[in-house]
């Protein structure tokens, strides 16, 4: 993985990020969850990232759902 992956979803709840990742996988979009939360105080974001070529499709799919 390199730094060219782009964040398409951000939350502070891990289960939401996992749901989004699985939804994108169901649409043949490779995605991964990057947990940037502090491990003690649990503040910070959890991001779902996709490759640049998939950003528009991913955002279109995510705009259709409510999470």
PDB file of N, CA and C in Angstrom:
ATOM      1  N   UNK A   1       0.837  -1.166   0.000  1.00  0.00           N
ATOM      2  CA  UNK A   1       0.000   0.000   0.000  1.00  0.00           C
ATOM      3  C   UNK A   1       0.886   1.234   0.000  1.00  0.00           C
ATOM      4  N   UNK A   2       0.479   2.241  -0.792  1.00  0.00           N
ATOM      5  CA  UNK A   2       1.206   3.502  -0.803  1.00  0.00           C
ATOM      6  C   UNK A   2       0.285   4.630  -0.357  1.00  0.00           C
ATOM      7  N   UNK A   3       0.799   5.839  -0.395  1.00  0.00           N
ATOM      8  CA  UNK A   3       0.037   6.990   0.100  1.00  0.00           C
ATOM      9  C   UNK A   3      -0.983   7.520  -0.893  1.00  0.00           C
ATOM     10  N   UNK A   4      -1.131   6.878  -2.033  1.00  0.00           N
ATOM     11  CA  UNK A   4      -2.051   7.400  -3.035  1.00  0.00           C
ATOM     12  C   UNK A   4      -3.511   7.005  -2.764  1.00  0.00           C
ATOM     13  N   UNK A   5      -3.769   6.161  -1.794  1.00  0.00           N
ATOM     14  CA  UNK A   5      -5.143   5.779  -1.461  1.00  0.00           C
ATOM     15  C   UNK A   5      -5.865   6.983  -0.869  1.00  0.00           C
ATOM     16  N   UNK A   6      -7.152   7.119  -1.152  1.00  0.00           N
ATOM     17  CA  UNK A   6      -7.915   8.308  -0.781  1.00  0.00           C
ATOM     18  C   UNK A   6      -9.052   7.944   0.170  1.00  0.00           C
ATOM     19  N   UNK A   7      -9.239   8.756   1.177  1.00  0.00           N
ATOM     20  CA  UNK A   7     -10.299   8.554   2.165  1.00  0.00           C
ATOM     21  C   UNK A   7     -11.651   8.909   1.555  1.00  0.00           C
ATOM     22  N   UNK A   8     -12.584   7.964   1.615  1.00  0.00           N
ATOM     23  CA  UNK A   8     -13.939   8.213   1.113  1.00  0.00           C
ATOM     24  C   UNK A   8     -14.970   8.200   2.244  1.00  0.00           C
ATOM     25  N   UNK A   9     -14.554   7.765   3.425  1.00  0.00           N
ATOM     26  CA  UNK A   9     -15.467   7.717   4.568  1.00  0.00           C
ATOM     27  C   UNK A   9     -14.649   7.824   5.840  1.00  0.00           C
ATOM     28  N   UNK A  10     -15.177   8.571   6.800  1.00  0.00           N
ATOM     29  CA  UNK A  10     -14.498   8.749   8.071  1.00  0.00           C
ATOM     30  C   UNK A  10     -15.536   8.712   9.192  1.00  0.00           C
ATOM     31  N   UNK A  11     -15.183   8.066  10.284  1.00  0.00           N
ATOM     32  CA  UNK A  11     -16.091   7.926  11.418  1.00  0.00           C
ATOM     33  C   UNK A  11     -15.261   7.738  12.680  1.00  0.00           C
ATOM     34  N   UNK A  12     -15.931   7.735  13.819  1.00  0.00           N
ATOM     35  CA  UNK A  12     -15.243   7.399  15.067  1.00  0.00           C
ATOM     36  C   UNK A  12     -15.725   6.057  15.613  1.00  0.00           C
ATOM     37  N   UNK A  13     -16.512   5.336  14.799  1.00  0.00           N
ATOM     38  CA  UNK A  13     -17.030   4.029  15.209  1.00  0.00           C
ATOM     39  C   UNK A  13     -16.550   2.957  14.235  1.00  0.00           C
ATOM     40  N   UNK A  14     -15.802   2.006  14.758  1.00  0.00           N
ATOM     41  CA  UNK A  14     -15.185   0.978  13.928  1.00  0.00           C
ATOM     42  C   UNK A  14     -16.207   0.162  13.151  1.00  0.00           C
ATOM     43  N   UNK A  15     -17.332  -0.177  13.763  1.00  0.00           N
ATOM     44  CA  UNK A  15     -18.306  -1.022  13.065  1.00  0.00           C
ATOM     45  C   UNK A  15     -18.845  -0.346  11.808  1.00  0.00           C
ATOM     46  N   UNK A  16     -18.996   0.983  11.824  1.00  0.00           N
ATOM     47  CA  UNK A  16     -19.465   1.694  10.641  1.00  0.00           C
ATOM     48  C   UNK A  16     -18.432   1.627   9.520  1.00  0.00           C
ATOM     49  N   UNK A  17     -17.182   1.773   9.865  1.00  0.00           N
ATOM     50  CA  UNK A  17     -16.115   1.690   8.867  1.00  0.00           C
ATOM     51  C   UNK A  17     -16.069   0.293   8.239  1.00  0.00           C
ATOM     52  N   UNK A  18     -16.266  -0.734   9.053  1.00  0.00           N
ATOM     53  CA  UNK A  18     -16.260  -2.105   8.536  1.00  0.00           C
ATOM     54  C   UNK A  18     -17.456  -2.352   7.614  1.00  0.00           C
ATOM     55  N   UNK A  19     -18.608  -1.801   7.952  1.00  0.00           N
ATOM     56  CA  UNK A  19     -19.787  -1.940   7.090  1.00  0.00           C
ATOM     57  C   UNK A  19     -19.528  -1.292   5.738  1.00  0.00           C
ATOM     58  N   UNK A  20     -18.958  -0.092   5.757  1.00  0.00           N
ATOM     59  CA  UNK A  20     -18.657   0.617   4.511  1.00  0.00           C
ATOM     60  C   UNK A  20     -17.651  -0.173   3.680  1.00  0.00           C
ATOM     61  N   UNK A  21     -16.620  -0.690   4.317  1.00  0.00           N
ATOM     62  CA  UNK A  21     -15.613  -1.489   3.592  1.00  0.00           C
ATOM     63  C   UNK A  21     -16.261  -2.688   2.912  1.00  0.00           C
ATOM     64  N   UNK A  22     -17.108  -3.405   3.630  1.00  0.00           N
ATOM     65  CA  UNK A  22     -17.768  -4.580   3.058  1.00  0.00           C
ATOM     66  C   UNK A  22     -18.722  -4.190   1.934  1.00  0.00           C
ATOM     67  N   UNK A  23     -19.416  -3.080   2.082  1.00  0.00           N
ATOM     68  CA  UNK A  23     -20.298  -2.598   1.022  1.00  0.00           C
ATOM     69  C   UNK A  23     -19.500  -2.307  -0.249  1.00  0.00           C
ATOM     70  N   UNK A  24     -18.362  -1.677  -0.098  1.00  0.00           N
ATOM     71  CA  UNK A  24     -17.521  -1.383  -1.262  1.00  0.00           C
ATOM     72  C   UNK A  24     -16.977  -2.675  -1.886  1.00  0.00           C
ATOM     73  N   UNK A  25     -16.581  -3.620  -1.058  1.00  0.00           N
ATOM     74  CA  UNK A  25     -16.132  -4.923  -1.575  1.00  0.00           C
ATOM     75  C   UNK A  25     -17.243  -5.591  -2.384  1.00  0.00           C
ATOM     76  N   UNK A  26     -18.481  -5.477  -1.911  1.00  0.00           N
ATOM     77  CA  UNK A  26     -19.621  -6.055  -2.633  1.00  0.00           C
ATOM     78  C   UNK A  26     -19.787  -5.443  -4.015  1.00  0.00           C
ATOM     79  N   UNK A  27     -19.271  -4.232  -4.197  1.00  0.00           N
ATOM     80  CA  UNK A  27     -19.322  -3.550  -5.497  1.00  0.00           C
ATOM     81  C   UNK A  27     -17.976  -3.620  -6.224  1.00  0.00           C
ATOM     82  N   UNK A  28     -17.153  -4.585  -5.858  1.00  0.00           N
ATOM     83  CA  UNK A  28     -15.851  -4.828  -6.477  1.00  0.00           C
ATOM     84  C   UNK A  28     -14.909  -3.628  -6.376  1.00  0.00           C
ATOM     85  N   UNK A  29     -14.962  -2.933  -5.246  1.00  0.00           N
ATOM     86  CA  UNK A  29     -14.036  -1.841  -4.986  1.00  0.00           C
ATOM     87  C   UNK A  29     -13.147  -2.254  -3.824  1.00  0.00           C
ATOM     88  N   UNK A  30     -11.848  -2.300  -4.073  1.00  0.00           N
ATOM     89  CA  UNK A  30     -10.888  -2.652  -3.035  1.00  0.00           C
ATOM     90  C   UNK A  30     -10.804  -1.496  -2.047  1.00  0.00           C
ATOM     91  N   UNK A  31     -11.007  -1.790  -0.766  1.00  0.00           N
ATOM     92  CA  UNK A  31     -10.982  -0.758   0.276  1.00  0.00           C
ATOM     93  C   UNK A  31     -10.303  -1.317   1.512  1.00  0.00           C
ATOM     94  N   UNK A  32      -9.789  -0.419   2.339  1.00  0.00           N
ATOM     95  CA  UNK A  32      -9.245  -0.856   3.616  1.00  0.00           C
ATOM     96  C   UNK A  32      -9.575   0.166   4.689  1.00  0.00           C
ATOM     97  N   UNK A  33      -9.568  -0.310   5.925  1.00  0.00           N
ATOM     98  CA  UNK A  33      -9.874   0.531   7.079  1.00  0.00           C
ATOM     99  C   UNK A  33      -8.558   0.916   7.739  1.00  0.00           C
ATOM    100  N   UNK A  34      -8.397   2.217   7.961  1.00  0.00           N
ATOM    101  CA  UNK A  34      -7.217   2.737   8.643  1.00  0.00           C
ATOM    102  C   UNK A  34      -7.673   3.350   9.959  1.00  0.00           C
ATOM    103  N   UNK A  35      -7.316   2.715  11.057  1.00  0.00           N
ATOM    104  CA  UNK A  35      -7.740   3.161  12.380  1.00  0.00           C
ATOM    105  C   UNK A  35      -6.695   4.131  12.933  1.00  0.00           C
ATOM    106  N   UNK A  36      -7.074   5.399  13.020  1.00  0.00           N
ATOM    107  CA  UNK A  36      -6.179   6.441  13.523  1.00  0.00           C
ATOM    108  C   UNK A  36      -6.540   6.859  14.945  1.00  0.00           C
ATOM    109  N   UNK A  37      -7.405   6.088  15.590  1.00  0.00           N
ATOM    110  CA  UNK A  37      -7.832   6.421  16.945  1.00  0.00           C
ATOM    111  C   UNK A  37      -6.724   6.150  17.946  1.00  0.00           C
ATOM    112  N   UNK A  38      -6.710   6.976  18.977  1.00  0.00           N
ATOM    113  CA  UNK A  38      -5.838   6.739  20.109  1.00  0.00           C
ATOM    114  C   UNK A  38      -6.327   5.484  20.819  1.00  0.00           C
ATOM    115  N   UNK A  39      -5.437   4.581  21.163  1.00  0.00           N
ATOM    116  CA  UNK A  39      -5.850   3.300  21.732  1.00  0.00           C
ATOM    117  C   UNK A  39      -6.318   3.390  23.183  1.00  0.00           C
ATOM    118  N   UNK A  40      -5.980   4.438  23.881  1.00  0.00           N
ATOM    119  CA  UNK A  40      -6.378   4.575  25.277  1.00  0.00           C
ATOM    120  C   UNK A  40      -7.655   5.404  25.407  1.00  0.00           C
ATOM    121  N   UNK A  41      -7.670   6.556  24.766  1.00  0.00           N
ATOM    122  CA  UNK A  41      -8.782   7.487  24.948  1.00  0.00           C
ATOM    123  C   UNK A  41      -9.838   7.394  23.847  1.00  0.00           C
ATOM    124  N   UNK A  42      -9.561   6.659  22.805  1.00  0.00           N
ATOM    125  CA  UNK A  42     -10.484   6.423  21.693  1.00  0.00           C
ATOM    126  C   UNK A  42     -11.006   7.712  21.055  1.00  0.00           C
ATOM    127  N   UNK A  43     -10.109   8.674  20.860  1.00  0.00           N
ATOM    128  CA  UNK A  43     -10.477   9.838  20.068  1.00  0.00           C
ATOM    129  C   UNK A  43      -9.689   9.778  18.764  1.00  0.00           C
ATOM    130  N   UNK A  44     -10.206  10.415  17.754  1.00  0.00           N
ATOM    131  CA  UNK A  44      -9.595  10.355  16.436  1.00  0.00           C
ATOM    132  C   UNK A  44     -10.532   9.657  15.474  1.00  0.00           C
ATOM    133  N   UNK A  45     -10.098   9.545  14.249  1.00  0.00           N
ATOM    134  CA  UNK A  45     -10.948   8.994  13.201  1.00  0.00           C
ATOM    135  C   UNK A  45     -10.518   7.605  12.754  1.00  0.00           C
ATOM    136  N   UNK A  46     -11.487   6.926  12.179  1.00  0.00           N
ATOM    137  CA  UNK A  46     -11.257   5.661  11.492  1.00  0.00           C
ATOM    138  C   UNK A  46     -11.656   5.927  10.047  1.00  0.00           C
ATOM    139  N   UNK A  47     -10.751   5.690   9.117  1.00  0.00           N
ATOM    140  CA  UNK A  47     -10.984   6.033   7.720  1.00  0.00           C
ATOM    141  C   UNK A  47     -11.118   4.791   6.854  1.00  0.00           C
ATOM    142  N   UNK A  48     -11.954   4.900   5.833  1.00  0.00           N
ATOM    143  CA  UNK A  48     -12.035   3.881   4.789  1.00  0.00           C
ATOM    144  C   UNK A  48     -11.428   4.514   3.546  1.00  0.00           C
ATOM    145  N   UNK A  49     -10.434   3.850   2.986  1.00  0.00           N
ATOM    146  CA  UNK A  49      -9.720   4.395   1.838  1.00  0.00           C
ATOM    147  C   UNK A  49      -9.831   3.462   0.634  1.00  0.00           C
ATOM    148  N   UNK A  50      -9.825   4.088  -0.538  1.00  0.00           N
ATOM    149  CA  UNK A  50      -9.883   3.349  -1.803  1.00  0.00           C
ATOM    150  C   UNK A  50      -8.825   3.909  -2.744  1.00  0.00           C
ATOM    151  N   UNK A  51      -8.588   3.195  -3.824  1.00  0.00           N
ATOM    152  CA  UNK A  51      -7.636   3.655  -4.829  1.00  0.00           C
ATOM    153  C   UNK A  51      -8.233   4.843  -5.585  1.00  0.00           C
ATOM    154  N   UNK A  52      -7.388   5.738  -6.088  1.00  0.00           N
ATOM    155  CA  UNK A  52      -7.885   6.931  -6.781  1.00  0.00           C
ATOM    156  C   UNK A  52      -8.860   6.633  -7.925  1.00  0.00           C
ATOM    157  N   UNK A  53      -8.666   5.564  -8.632  1.00  0.00           N
ATOM    158  CA  UNK A  53      -9.538   5.222  -9.753  1.00  0.00           C
ATOM    159  C   UNK A  53     -10.952   4.865  -9.301  1.00  0.00           C
ATOM    160  N   UNK A  54     -11.127   4.518  -8.034  1.00  0.00           N
ATOM    161  CA  UNK A  54     -12.422   4.081  -7.514  1.00  0.00           C
ATOM    162  C   UNK A  54     -13.139   5.143  -6.668  1.00  0.00           C
ATOM    163  N   UNK A  55     -12.555   6.306  -6.512  1.00  0.00           N
ATOM    164  CA  UNK A  55     -13.117   7.319  -5.615  1.00  0.00           C
ATOM    165  C   UNK A  55     -14.519   7.746  -6.029  1.00  0.00           C
ATOM    166  N   UNK A  56     -14.721   8.076  -7.274  1.00  0.00           N
ATOM    167  CA  UNK A  56     -16.027   8.571  -7.725  1.00  0.00           C
ATOM    168  C   UNK A  56     -17.094   7.507  -7.549  1.00  0.00           C
ATOM    169  N   UNK A  57     -16.797   6.270  -7.967  1.00  0.00           N
ATOM    170  CA  UNK A  57     -17.763   5.173  -7.797  1.00  0.00           C
ATOM    171  C   UNK A  57     -18.076   4.952  -6.324  1.00  0.00           C
ATOM    172  N   UNK A  58     -17.042   4.948  -5.488  1.00  0.00           N
ATOM    173  CA  UNK A  58     -17.233   4.708  -4.058  1.00  0.00           C
ATOM    174  C   UNK A  58     -18.103   5.789  -3.434  1.00  0.00           C
ATOM    175  N   UNK A  59     -17.823   7.044  -3.743  1.00  0.00           N
ATOM    176  CA  UNK A  59     -18.622   8.134  -3.179  1.00  0.00           C
ATOM    177  C   UNK A  59     -20.058   8.079  -3.677  1.00  0.00           C
ATOM    178  N   UNK A  60     -20.240   7.689  -4.913  1.00  0.00           N
ATOM    179  CA  UNK A  60     -21.597   7.555  -5.462  1.00  0.00           C
ATOM    180  C   UNK A  60     -22.373   6.474  -4.695  1.00  0.00           C
ATOM    181  N   UNK A  61     -21.746   5.357  -4.435  1.00  0.00           N
ATOM    182  CA  UNK A  61     -22.379   4.274  -3.685  1.00  0.00           C
ATOM    183  C   UNK A  61     -22.686   4.720  -2.259  1.00  0.00           C
ATOM    184  N   UNK A  62     -21.747   5.396  -1.619  1.00  0.00           N
ATOM    185  CA  UNK A  62     -21.930   5.824  -0.234  1.00  0.00           C
ATOM    186  C   UNK A  62     -22.980   6.926  -0.103  1.00  0.00           C
ATOM    187  N   UNK A  63     -23.163   7.722  -1.135  1.00  0.00           N
ATOM    188  CA  UNK A  63     -24.204   8.758  -1.099  1.00  0.00           C
ATOM    189  C   UNK A  63     -25.604   8.170  -1.120  1.00  0.00           C
ATOM    190  N   UNK A  64     -25.740   6.933  -1.582  1.00  0.00           N
ATOM    191  CA  UNK A  64     -27.049   6.289  -1.659  1.00  0.00           C
ATOM    192  C   UNK A  64     -27.480   5.646  -0.346  1.00  0.00           C
ATOM    193  N   UNK A  65     -26.556   5.512   0.591  1.00  0.00           N
ATOM    194  CA  UNK A  65     -26.880   4.841   1.854  1.00  0.00           C
ATOM    195  C   UNK A  65     -26.797   5.835   3.012  1.00  0.00           C
ATOM    196  N   UNK A  66     -27.383   5.440   4.125  1.00  0.00           N
ATOM    197  CA  UNK A  66     -27.322   6.258   5.336  1.00  0.00           C
ATOM    198  C   UNK A  66     -26.615   5.466   6.411  1.00  0.00           C
ATOM    199  N   UNK A  67     -25.458   5.963   6.797  1.00  0.00           N
ATOM    200  CA  UNK A  67     -24.687   5.284   7.850  1.00  0.00           C
ATOM    201  C   UNK A  67     -24.391   6.269   8.953  1.00  0.00           C
TER     202      UNK A  67
END
